[in-house]
Amino acid sequence: MKVKVIDEECERDLENSVNEFLSKDVDVIDIKYQVAIGINGEEQLYCFSAMIIYH
């Protein structure tokens, strides 16, 4: 079993990265999705990530 973690700044980039990884010949067991939000002054920072568990 292996794990691949993908981290992007926007949802669309994460979607593209996950789809690119899934286009490889892998046997996916599960995908976990997470969003983290931080504040720096008046700016909101987002972190979209996915952990893909596969064989």
Protein backbone atom coordinates (compact mmCIF):
# COMPACT_ATOMS: atom_id res chain seq x y z
CA MET A 1 0.00 0.00 0.00
CA LYS A 2 1.24 3.52 -0.80
CA VAL A 3 0.11 7.09 -0.15
CA LYS A 4 0.24 10.15 -2.41
CA VAL A 5 -0.43 13.60 -0.91
CA ILE A 6 -1.30 16.48 -3.24
CA ASP A 7 -1.51 20.08 -2.04
CA GLU A 8 -2.73 23.05 -4.09
CA GLU A 9 -3.83 26.65 -3.51
CA CYS A 10 -7.14 26.38 -5.36
CA GLU A 11 -9.77 23.68 -5.91
CA ARG A 12 -9.37 23.55 -9.68
CA ASP A 13 -5.61 22.96 -9.42
CA LEU A 14 -6.19 20.17 -6.90
CA GLU A 15 -8.81 18.62 -9.15
CA ASN A 16 -6.41 18.69 -12.11
CA SER A 17 -3.53 17.21 -10.07
CA VAL A 18 -5.70 14.41 -8.66
CA ASN A 19 -7.11 13.59 -12.11
CA GLU A 20 -3.58 13.51 -13.54
CA PHE A 21 -2.45 11.09 -10.82
CA LEU A 22 -5.53 8.90 -11.28
CA SER A 23 -4.86 8.66 -15.02
CA LYS A 24 -1.86 6.44 -14.12
CA ASP A 25 -2.35 2.73 -13.65
CA VAL A 26 -3.04 2.69 -9.88
CA ASP A 27 -5.48 0.70 -7.79
CA VAL A 28 -7.11 3.36 -5.57
CA ILE A 29 -8.25 2.26 -2.13
CA ASP A 30 -9.45 5.61 -0.77
CA ILE A 31 -9.16 9.38 -1.21
CA LYS A 32 -9.27 11.82 1.70
CA TYR A 33 -9.94 15.52 1.05
CA GLN A 34 -9.17 18.48 3.31
CA VAL A 35 -9.39 22.27 3.23
CA ALA A 36 -7.43 24.52 5.57
CA ILE A 37 -8.03 28.26 5.90
CA GLY A 38 -5.66 30.76 7.46
CA ILE A 39 -5.74 34.49 7.87
CA ASN A 40 -2.71 36.73 7.31
CA GLY A 41 -3.72 40.30 8.07
CA GLU A 42 -6.77 40.86 5.90
CA GLU A 43 -5.86 38.11 3.44
CA GLN A 44 -7.44 34.65 3.58
CA LEU A 45 -5.17 31.77 2.64
CA TYR A 46 -6.59 28.44 1.46
CA CYS A 47 -4.90 25.08 1.22
CA PHE A 48 -6.72 22.29 -0.61
CA SER A 49 -5.24 18.82 -0.23
CA ALA A 50 -5.98 15.22 -1.03
CA MET A 51 -4.41 12.03 0.24
CA ILE A 52 -4.75 9.10 -2.14
CA ILE A 53 -4.26 5.63 -0.68
CA TYR A 54 -3.45 3.11 -3.41
CA HIS A 55 -1.66 -0.10 -4.39
